[in-house]
Amino acid sequence: MLKLLIILALAGLAFAWWTGSSARRRGSMPVEEARALLGVTEEDDAETVRAAHRRLIARVHPDSGGTPELARRTNEARDVLLSELTHRRND
């Protein structure tokens, strides 16, 4: 019984850590950092952001010799900027 309680406690801690860390990962990149990473300006439109993302992801994707972390950050930058463009258009 004690082993089961310990396993459940550890599982709960792991779940709390995982959900907390994934929440920190989402939306943690500032817009300025995203623009710098993709090499776009504030005036660029969604298609320019997508084109910059395609160029960069082709170089940093793990299948092309990059790393999963670089690919994740590149995708996050694209998502941040497209979200920012959508919010700006809706305001």
PDB file of N, CA and C in Angstrom:
ATOM      1  N   MET A   1       0.823  -1.197   0.000  1.00  0.00           N
ATOM      2  CA  MET A   1       0.000   0.000   0.000  1.00  0.00           C
ATOM      3  C   MET A   1       0.865   1.257   0.000  1.00  0.00           C
ATOM      4  N   LEU A   2       1.944   1.240   0.779  1.00  0.00           N
ATOM      5  CA  LEU A   2       2.841   2.391   0.848  1.00  0.00           C
ATOM      6  C   LEU A   2       3.495   2.653  -0.507  1.00  0.00           C
ATOM      7  N   LYS A   3       3.885   1.574  -1.209  1.00  0.00           N
ATOM      8  CA  LYS A   3       4.487   1.719  -2.532  1.00  0.00           C
ATOM      9  C   LYS A   3       3.515   2.396  -3.500  1.00  0.00           C
ATOM     10  N   LEU A   4       2.257   2.012  -3.430  1.00  0.00           N
ATOM     11  CA  LEU A   4       1.246   2.603  -4.299  1.00  0.00           C
ATOM     12  C   LEU A   4       1.083   4.092  -4.017  1.00  0.00           C
ATOM     13  N   LEU A   5       1.073   4.467  -2.751  1.00  0.00           N
ATOM     14  CA  LEU A   5       0.962   5.885  -2.397  1.00  0.00           C
ATOM     15  C   LEU A   5       2.164   6.683  -2.877  1.00  0.00           C
ATOM     16  N   ILE A   6       3.338   6.111  -2.763  1.00  0.00           N
ATOM     17  CA  ILE A   6       4.547   6.793  -3.233  1.00  0.00           C
ATOM     18  C   ILE A   6       4.504   6.970  -4.750  1.00  0.00           C
ATOM     19  N   ILE A   7       4.090   5.928  -5.454  1.00  0.00           N
ATOM     20  CA  ILE A   7       3.988   6.015  -6.918  1.00  0.00           C
ATOM     21  C   ILE A   7       2.971   7.072  -7.321  1.00  0.00           C
ATOM     22  N   LEU A   8       1.835   7.102  -6.662  1.00  0.00           N
ATOM     23  CA  LEU A   8       0.814   8.105  -6.984  1.00  0.00           C
ATOM     24  C   LEU A   8       1.307   9.519  -6.677  1.00  0.00           C
ATOM     25  N   ALA A   9       2.028   9.684  -5.575  1.00  0.00           N
ATOM     26  CA  ALA A   9       2.573  10.998  -5.233  1.00  0.00           C
ATOM     27  C   ALA A   9       3.583  11.454  -6.273  1.00  0.00           C
ATOM     28  N   LEU A  10       4.463  10.553  -6.684  1.00  0.00           N
ATOM     29  CA  LEU A  10       5.455  10.899  -7.710  1.00  0.00           C
ATOM     30  C   LEU A  10       4.780  11.209  -9.048  1.00  0.00           C
ATOM     31  N   ALA A  11       3.754  10.454  -9.387  1.00  0.00           N
ATOM     32  CA  ALA A  11       3.021  10.716 -10.627  1.00  0.00           C
ATOM     33  C   ALA A  11       2.362  12.091 -10.567  1.00  0.00           C
ATOM     34  N   GLY A  12       1.799  12.432  -9.408  1.00  0.00           N
ATOM     35  CA  GLY A  12       1.190  13.753  -9.249  1.00  0.00           C
ATOM     36  C   GLY A  12       2.203  14.868  -9.376  1.00  0.00           C
ATOM     37  N   LEU A  13       3.371  14.686  -8.789  1.00  0.00           N
ATOM     38  CA  LEU A  13       4.430  15.692  -8.911  1.00  0.00           C
ATOM     39  C   LEU A  13       4.903  15.834 -10.352  1.00  0.00           C
ATOM     40  N   ALA A  14       5.061  14.702 -11.019  1.00  0.00           N
ATOM     41  CA  ALA A  14       5.481  14.743 -12.426  1.00  0.00           C
ATOM     42  C   ALA A  14       4.441  15.457 -13.284  1.00  0.00           C
ATOM     43  N   PHE A  15       3.166  15.161 -13.036  1.00  0.00           N
ATOM     44  CA  PHE A  15       2.105  15.821 -13.795  1.00  0.00           C
ATOM     45  C   PHE A  15       2.103  17.328 -13.539  1.00  0.00           C
ATOM     46  N   ALA A  16       2.250  17.730 -12.283  1.00  0.00           N
ATOM     47  CA  ALA A  16       2.276  19.159 -11.945  1.00  0.00           C
ATOM     48  C   ALA A  16       3.464  19.841 -12.602  1.00  0.00           C
ATOM     49  N   TRP A  17       4.621  19.186 -12.602  1.00  0.00           N
ATOM     50  CA  TRP A  17       5.797  19.772 -13.245  1.00  0.00           C
ATOM     51  C   TRP A  17       5.568  19.893 -14.747  1.00  0.00           C
ATOM     52  N   TRP A  18       5.041  18.839 -15.369  1.00  0.00           N
ATOM     53  CA  TRP A  18       4.843  18.849 -16.819  1.00  0.00           C
ATOM     54  C   TRP A  18       3.852  19.922 -17.245  1.00  0.00           C
ATOM     55  N   THR A  19       2.722  20.021 -16.584  1.00  0.00           N
ATOM     56  CA  THR A  19       1.730  21.015 -16.983  1.00  0.00           C
ATOM     57  C   THR A  19       2.247  22.420 -16.718  1.00  0.00           C
ATOM     58  N   GLY A  20       2.999  22.608 -15.669  1.00  0.00           N
ATOM     59  CA  GLY A  20       3.579  23.920 -15.393  1.00  0.00           C
ATOM     60  C   GLY A  20       4.632  24.302 -16.410  1.00  0.00           C
ATOM     61  N   SER A  21       5.488  23.351 -16.785  1.00  0.00           N
ATOM     62  CA  SER A  21       6.545  23.665 -17.738  1.00  0.00           C
ATOM     63  C   SER A  21       5.979  23.883 -19.133  1.00  0.00           C
ATOM     64  N   SER A  22       4.943  23.149 -19.522  1.00  0.00           N
ATOM     65  CA  SER A  22       4.365  23.368 -20.849  1.00  0.00           C
ATOM     66  C   SER A  22       3.640  24.707 -20.895  1.00  0.00           C
ATOM     67  N   ALA A  23       3.057  25.130 -19.784  1.00  0.00           N
ATOM     68  CA  ALA A  23       2.409  26.444 -19.750  1.00  0.00           C
ATOM     69  C   ALA A  23       3.452  27.548 -19.874  1.00  0.00           C
ATOM     70  N   ARG A  24       4.613  27.349 -19.284  1.00  0.00           N
ATOM     71  CA  ARG A  24       5.668  28.355 -19.403  1.00  0.00           C
ATOM     72  C   ARG A  24       6.197  28.416 -20.828  1.00  0.00           C
ATOM     73  N   ARG A  25       6.239  27.264 -21.502  1.00  0.00           N
ATOM     74  CA  ARG A  25       6.751  27.253 -22.866  1.00  0.00           C
ATOM     75  C   ARG A  25       5.820  27.983 -23.819  1.00  0.00           C
ATOM     76  N   ARG A  26       4.521  27.855 -23.621  1.00  0.00           N
ATOM     77  CA  ARG A  26       3.573  28.501 -24.518  1.00  0.00           C
ATOM     78  C   ARG A  26       3.574  30.005 -24.275  1.00  0.00           C
ATOM     79  N   GLY A  27       3.790  30.760 -25.337  1.00  0.00           N
ATOM     80  CA  GLY A  27       3.697  32.201 -25.235  1.00  0.00           C
ATOM     81  C   GLY A  27       4.797  32.857 -24.438  1.00  0.00           C
ATOM     82  N   SER A  28       5.885  32.145 -24.199  1.00  0.00           N
ATOM     83  CA  SER A  28       6.948  32.723 -23.390  1.00  0.00           C
ATOM     84  C   SER A  28       7.891  33.594 -24.209  1.00  0.00           C
ATOM     85  N   MET A  29       7.829  33.533 -25.521  1.00  0.00           N
ATOM     86  CA  MET A  29       8.735  34.302 -26.362  1.00  0.00           C
ATOM     87  C   MET A  29       8.158  35.693 -26.611  1.00  0.00           C
ATOM     88  N   PRO A  30       8.924  36.733 -26.287  1.00  0.00           N
ATOM     89  CA  PRO A  30       8.458  38.094 -26.584  1.00  0.00           C
ATOM     90  C   PRO A  30       8.377  38.327 -28.098  1.00  0.00           C
ATOM     91  N   VAL A  31       7.498  39.203 -28.490  1.00  0.00           N
ATOM     92  CA  VAL A  31       7.294  39.499 -29.915  1.00  0.00           C
ATOM     93  C   VAL A  31       8.590  40.008 -30.551  1.00  0.00           C
ATOM     94  N   GLU A  32       9.329  40.833 -29.831  1.00  0.00           N
ATOM     95  CA  GLU A  32      10.581  41.376 -30.380  1.00  0.00           C
ATOM     96  C   GLU A  32      11.587  40.263 -30.666  1.00  0.00           C
ATOM     97  N   GLU A  33      11.662  39.290 -29.765  1.00  0.00           N
ATOM     98  CA  GLU A  33      12.569  38.162 -29.969  1.00  0.00           C
ATOM     99  C   GLU A  33      12.127  37.328 -31.165  1.00  0.00           C
ATOM    100  N   ALA A  34      10.823  37.137 -31.308  1.00  0.00           N
ATOM    101  CA  ALA A  34      10.294  36.373 -32.438  1.00  0.00           C
ATOM    102  C   ALA A  34      10.623  37.065 -33.762  1.00  0.00           C
ATOM    103  N   ARG A  35      10.462  38.384 -33.783  1.00  0.00           N
ATOM    104  CA  ARG A  35      10.796  39.132 -35.011  1.00  0.00           C
ATOM    105  C   ARG A  35      12.282  39.006 -35.342  1.00  0.00           C
ATOM    106  N   ALA A  36      13.121  39.121 -34.319  1.00  0.00           N
ATOM    107  CA  ALA A  36      14.564  39.023 -34.546  1.00  0.00           C
ATOM    108  C   ALA A  36      14.946  37.631 -35.033  1.00  0.00           C
ATOM    109  N   LEU A  37      14.348  36.607 -34.466  1.00  0.00           N
ATOM    110  CA  LEU A  37      14.666  35.239 -34.854  1.00  0.00           C
ATOM    111  C   LEU A  37      14.308  34.978 -36.309  1.00  0.00           C
ATOM    112  N   LEU A  38      13.129  35.445 -36.727  1.00  0.00           N
ATOM    113  CA  LEU A  38      12.702  35.213 -38.109  1.00  0.00           C
ATOM    114  C   LEU A  38      13.199  36.278 -39.074  1.00  0.00           C
ATOM    115  N   GLY A  39      13.726  37.371 -38.540  1.00  0.00           N
ATOM    116  CA  GLY A  39      14.243  38.425 -39.411  1.00  0.00           C
ATOM    117  C   GLY A  39      13.164  39.214 -40.118  1.00  0.00           C
ATOM    118  N   VAL A  40      12.066  39.481 -39.423  1.00  0.00           N
ATOM    119  CA  VAL A  40      10.978  40.264 -40.003  1.00  0.00           C
ATOM    120  C   VAL A  40      10.799  41.545 -39.199  1.00  0.00           C
ATOM    121  N   THR A  41      10.063  42.491 -39.789  1.00  0.00           N
ATOM    122  CA  THR A  41       9.819  43.760 -39.118  1.00  0.00           C
ATOM    123  C   THR A  41       8.370  43.842 -38.671  1.00  0.00           C
ATOM    124  N   GLU A  42       8.059  44.881 -37.946  1.00  0.00           N
ATOM    125  CA  GLU A  42       6.697  45.089 -37.450  1.00  0.00           C
ATOM    126  C   GLU A  42       5.714  45.308 -38.595  1.00  0.00           C
ATOM    127  N   GLU A  43       6.189  45.842 -39.709  1.00  0.00           N
ATOM    128  CA  GLU A  43       5.316  46.148 -40.845  1.00  0.00           C
ATOM    129  C   GLU A  43       5.038  44.937 -41.732  1.00  0.00           C
ATOM    130  N   ASP A  44       5.776  43.848 -41.561  1.00  0.00           N
ATOM    131  CA  ASP A  44       5.605  42.680 -42.423  1.00  0.00           C
ATOM    132  C   ASP A  44       4.270  41.987 -42.163  1.00  0.00           C
ATOM    133  N   ASP A  45       3.734  41.382 -43.230  1.00  0.00           N
ATOM    134  CA  ASP A  45       2.435  40.727 -43.124  1.00  0.00           C
ATOM    135  C   ASP A  45       2.608  39.230 -42.822  1.00  0.00           C
ATOM    136  N   ALA A  46       1.482  38.530 -42.716  1.00  0.00           N
ATOM    137  CA  ALA A  46       1.483  37.115 -42.347  1.00  0.00           C
ATOM    138  C   ALA A  46       2.219  36.263 -43.382  1.00  0.00           C
ATOM    139  N   GLU A  47       2.066  36.564 -44.644  1.00  0.00           N
ATOM    140  CA  GLU A  47       2.742  35.774 -45.669  1.00  0.00           C
ATOM    141  C   GLU A  47       4.255  35.933 -45.579  1.00  0.00           C
ATOM    142  N   THR A  48       4.739  37.130 -45.257  1.00  0.00           N
ATOM    143  CA  THR A  48       6.170  37.349 -45.078  1.00  0.00           C
ATOM    144  C   THR A  48       6.684  36.568 -43.872  1.00  0.00           C
ATOM    145  N   VAL A  49       5.904  36.530 -42.797  1.00  0.00           N
ATOM    146  CA  VAL A  49       6.278  35.763 -41.606  1.00  0.00           C
ATOM    147  C   VAL A  49       6.353  34.282 -41.954  1.00  0.00           C
ATOM    148  N   ARG A  50       5.374  33.782 -42.685  1.00  0.00           N
ATOM    149  CA  ARG A  50       5.380  32.364 -43.071  1.00  0.00           C
ATOM    150  C   ARG A  50       6.565  32.032 -43.970  1.00  0.00           C
ATOM    151  N   ALA A  51       6.879  32.920 -44.905  1.00  0.00           N
ATOM    152  CA  ALA A  51       8.015  32.680 -45.806  1.00  0.00           C
ATOM    153  C   ALA A  51       9.330  32.673 -45.025  1.00  0.00           C
ATOM    154  N   ALA A  52       9.482  33.602 -44.077  1.00  0.00           N
ATOM    155  CA  ALA A  52      10.694  33.639 -43.252  1.00  0.00           C
ATOM    156  C   ALA A  52      10.798  32.372 -42.409  1.00  0.00           C
ATOM    157  N   HIS A  53       9.666  31.911 -41.897  1.00  0.00           N
ATOM    158  CA  HIS A  53       9.648  30.675 -41.108  1.00  0.00           C
ATOM    159  C   HIS A  53      10.078  29.488 -41.967  1.00  0.00           C
ATOM    160  N   ARG A  54       9.545  29.395 -43.173  1.00  0.00           N
ATOM    161  CA  ARG A  54       9.906  28.277 -44.059  1.00  0.00           C
ATOM    162  C   ARG A  54      11.396  28.262 -44.362  1.00  0.00           C
ATOM    163  N   ARG A  55      11.969  29.437 -44.627  1.00  0.00           N
ATOM    164  CA  ARG A  55      13.403  29.510 -44.915  1.00  0.00           C
ATOM    165  C   ARG A  55      14.237  29.050 -43.720  1.00  0.00           C
ATOM    166  N   LEU A  56      13.880  29.520 -42.531  1.00  0.00           N
ATOM    167  CA  LEU A  56      14.660  29.191 -41.345  1.00  0.00           C
ATOM    168  C   LEU A  56      14.457  27.739 -40.917  1.00  0.00           C
ATOM    169  N   ILE A  57      13.225  27.261 -40.938  1.00  0.00           N
ATOM    170  CA  ILE A  57      12.964  25.892 -40.484  1.00  0.00           C
ATOM    171  C   ILE A  57      13.654  24.880 -41.392  1.00  0.00           C
ATOM    172  N   ALA A  58      13.839  25.212 -42.655  1.00  0.00           N
ATOM    173  CA  ALA A  58      14.555  24.312 -43.568  1.00  0.00           C
ATOM    174  C   ALA A  58      16.001  24.117 -43.121  1.00  0.00           C
ATOM    175  N   ARG A  59      16.564  25.117 -42.435  1.00  0.00           N
ATOM    176  CA  ARG A  59      17.959  25.011 -41.976  1.00  0.00           C
ATOM    177  C   ARG A  59      18.082  24.430 -40.574  1.00  0.00           C
ATOM    178  N   VAL A  60      17.098  24.673 -39.696  1.00  0.00           N
ATOM    179  CA  VAL A  60      17.256  24.283 -38.291  1.00  0.00           C
ATOM    180  C   VAL A  60      16.480  23.027 -37.911  1.00  0.00           C
ATOM    181  N   HIS A  61      15.721  22.453 -38.829  1.00  0.00           N
ATOM    182  CA  HIS A  61      14.952  21.243 -38.531  1.00  0.00           C
ATOM    183  C   HIS A  61      15.914  20.080 -38.251  1.00  0.00           C
ATOM    184  N   PRO A  62      15.566  19.215 -37.311  1.00  0.00           N
ATOM    185  CA  PRO A  62      16.450  18.081 -37.000  1.00  0.00           C
ATOM    186  C   PRO A  62      16.773  17.201 -38.212  1.00  0.00           C
ATOM    187  N   ASP A  63      15.868  17.076 -39.156  1.00  0.00           N
ATOM    188  CA  ASP A  63      16.135  16.282 -40.358  1.00  0.00           C
ATOM    189  C   ASP A  63      17.171  16.934 -41.267  1.00  0.00           C
ATOM    190  N   SER A  64      17.426  18.233 -41.041  1.00  0.00           N
ATOM    191  CA  SER A  64      18.406  18.964 -41.853  1.00  0.00           C
ATOM    192  C   SER A  64      19.671  19.267 -41.071  1.00  0.00           C
ATOM    193  N   GLY A  65      19.860  18.601 -39.947  1.00  0.00           N
ATOM    194  CA  GLY A  65      21.067  18.819 -39.159  1.00  0.00           C
ATOM    195  C   GLY A  65      20.892  19.790 -38.009  1.00  0.00           C
ATOM    196  N   GLY A  66      19.684  20.320 -37.828  1.00  0.00           N
ATOM    197  CA  GLY A  66      19.417  21.219 -36.713  1.00  0.00           C
ATOM    198  C   GLY A  66      19.048  20.432 -35.471  1.00  0.00           C
ATOM    199  N   THR A  67      18.474  21.128 -34.510  1.00  0.00           N
ATOM    200  CA  THR A  67      18.096  20.480 -33.257  1.00  0.00           C
ATOM    201  C   THR A  67      16.594  20.644 -33.016  1.00  0.00           C
ATOM    202  N   PRO A  68      16.018  19.769 -32.210  1.00  0.00           N
ATOM    203  CA  PRO A  68      14.595  19.930 -31.873  1.00  0.00           C
ATOM    204  C   PRO A  68      14.317  21.266 -31.185  1.00  0.00           C
ATOM    205  N   GLU A  69      15.237  21.736 -30.360  1.00  0.00           N
ATOM    206  CA  GLU A  69      15.033  23.006 -29.655  1.00  0.00           C
ATOM    207  C   GLU A  69      15.000  24.180 -30.636  1.00  0.00           C
ATOM    208  N   LEU A  70      15.889  24.195 -31.607  1.00  0.00           N
ATOM    209  CA  LEU A  70      15.874  25.269 -32.609  1.00  0.00           C
ATOM    210  C   LEU A  70      14.585  25.235 -33.430  1.00  0.00           C
ATOM    211  N   ALA A  71      14.154  24.049 -33.792  1.00  0.00           N
ATOM    212  CA  ALA A  71      12.906  23.925 -34.553  1.00  0.00           C
ATOM    213  C   ALA A  71      11.723  24.386 -33.705  1.00  0.00           C
ATOM    214  N   ARG A  72      11.713  24.024 -32.423  1.00  0.00           N
ATOM    215  CA  ARG A  72      10.628  24.436 -31.535  1.00  0.00           C
ATOM    216  C   ARG A  72      10.587  25.950 -31.404  1.00  0.00           C
ATOM    217  N   ARG A  73      11.744  26.578 -31.226  1.00  0.00           N
ATOM    218  CA  ARG A  73      11.787  28.035 -31.069  1.00  0.00           C
ATOM    219  C   ARG A  73      11.385  28.738 -32.367  1.00  0.00           C
ATOM    220  N   THR A  74      11.767  28.180 -33.498  1.00  0.00           N
ATOM    221  CA  THR A  74      11.381  28.750 -34.785  1.00  0.00           C
ATOM    222  C   THR A  74       9.867  28.669 -34.968  1.00  0.00           C
ATOM    223  N   ASN A  75       9.289  27.534 -34.634  1.00  0.00           N
ATOM    224  CA  ASN A  75       7.834  27.387 -34.723  1.00  0.00           C
ATOM    225  C   ASN A  75       7.129  28.310 -33.739  1.00  0.00           C
ATOM    226  N   GLU A  76       7.679  28.445 -32.545  1.00  0.00           N
ATOM    227  CA  GLU A  76       7.078  29.336 -31.556  1.00  0.00           C
ATOM    228  C   GLU A  76       7.111  30.785 -32.038  1.00  0.00           C
ATOM    229  N   ALA A  77       8.225  31.184 -32.658  1.00  0.00           N
ATOM    230  CA  ALA A  77       8.331  32.550 -33.180  1.00  0.00           C
ATOM    231  C   ALA A  77       7.256  32.801 -34.230  1.00  0.00           C
ATOM    232  N   ARG A  78       7.074  31.849 -35.125  1.00  0.00           N
ATOM    233  CA  ARG A  78       6.021  31.979 -36.143  1.00  0.00           C
ATOM    234  C   ARG A  78       4.654  32.117 -35.491  1.00  0.00           C
ATOM    235  N   ASP A  79       4.366  31.261 -34.523  1.00  0.00           N
ATOM    236  CA  ASP A  79       3.064  31.282 -33.860  1.00  0.00           C
ATOM    237  C   ASP A  79       2.829  32.593 -33.120  1.00  0.00           C
ATOM    238  N   VAL A  80       3.856  33.087 -32.437  1.00  0.00           N
ATOM    239  CA  VAL A  80       3.740  34.356 -31.696  1.00  0.00           C
ATOM    240  C   VAL A  80       3.433  35.495 -32.655  1.00  0.00           C
ATOM    241  N   LEU A  81       4.161  35.548 -33.760  1.00  0.00           N
ATOM    242  CA  LEU A  81       3.974  36.659 -34.702  1.00  0.00           C
ATOM    243  C   LEU A  81       2.635  36.577 -35.427  1.00  0.00           C
ATOM    244  N   LEU A  82       2.221  35.387 -35.815  1.00  0.00           N
ATOM    245  CA  LEU A  82       0.922  35.262 -36.480  1.00  0.00           C
ATOM    246  C   LEU A  82      -0.213  35.603 -35.514  1.00  0.00           C
ATOM    247  N   SER A  83      -0.060  35.208 -34.272  1.00  0.00           N
ATOM    248  CA  SER A  83      -1.063  35.557 -33.261  1.00  0.00           C
ATOM    249  C   SER A  83      -1.102  37.069 -33.044  1.00  0.00           C
ATOM    250  N   GLU A  84       0.064  37.680 -32.988  1.00  0.00           N
ATOM    251  CA  GLU A  84       0.144  39.136 -32.798  1.00  0.00           C
ATOM    252  C   GLU A  84      -0.490  39.858 -33.973  1.00  0.00           C
ATOM    253  N   LEU A  85      -0.268  39.376 -35.193  1.00  0.00           N
ATOM    254  CA  LEU A  85      -0.870  39.981 -36.371  1.00  0.00           C
ATOM    255  C   LEU A  85      -2.398  39.847 -36.337  1.00  0.00           C
ATOM    256  N   THR A  86      -2.885  38.700 -35.908  1.00  0.00           N
ATOM    257  CA  THR A  86      -4.328  38.481 -35.803  1.00  0.00           C
ATOM    258  C   THR A  86      -4.942  39.423 -34.769  1.00  0.00           C
ATOM    259  N   HIS A  87      -4.283  39.550 -33.619  1.00  0.00           N
ATOM    260  CA  HIS A  87      -4.801  40.444 -32.576  1.00  0.00           C
ATOM    261  C   HIS A  87      -4.784  41.897 -33.032  1.00  0.00           C
ATOM    262  N   ARG A  88      -3.711  42.278 -33.732  1.00  0.00           N
ATOM    263  CA  ARG A  88      -3.609  43.655 -34.219  1.00  0.00           C
ATOM    264  C   ARG A  88      -4.692  43.946 -35.254  1.00  0.00           C
ATOM    265  N   ARG A  89      -4.993  42.965 -36.105  1.00  0.00           N
ATOM    266  CA  ARG A  89      -6.020  43.144 -37.137  1.00  0.00           C
ATOM    267  C   ARG A  89      -7.403  43.237 -36.524  1.00  0.00           C
ATOM    268  N   ASN A  90      -7.636  42.529 -35.410  1.00  0.00           N
ATOM    269  CA  ASN A  90      -8.943  42.538 -34.762  1.00  0.00           C
ATOM    270  C   ASN A  90      -9.176  43.759 -33.894  1.00  0.00           C
ATOM    271  N   ASP A  91      -8.128  44.496 -33.582  1.00  0.00           N
ATOM    272  CA  ASP A  91      -8.293  45.694 -32.724  1.00  0.00           C
ATOM    273  C   ASP A  91      -8.758  46.896 -33.493  1.00  0.00           C
TER     274      ASP A  91
END
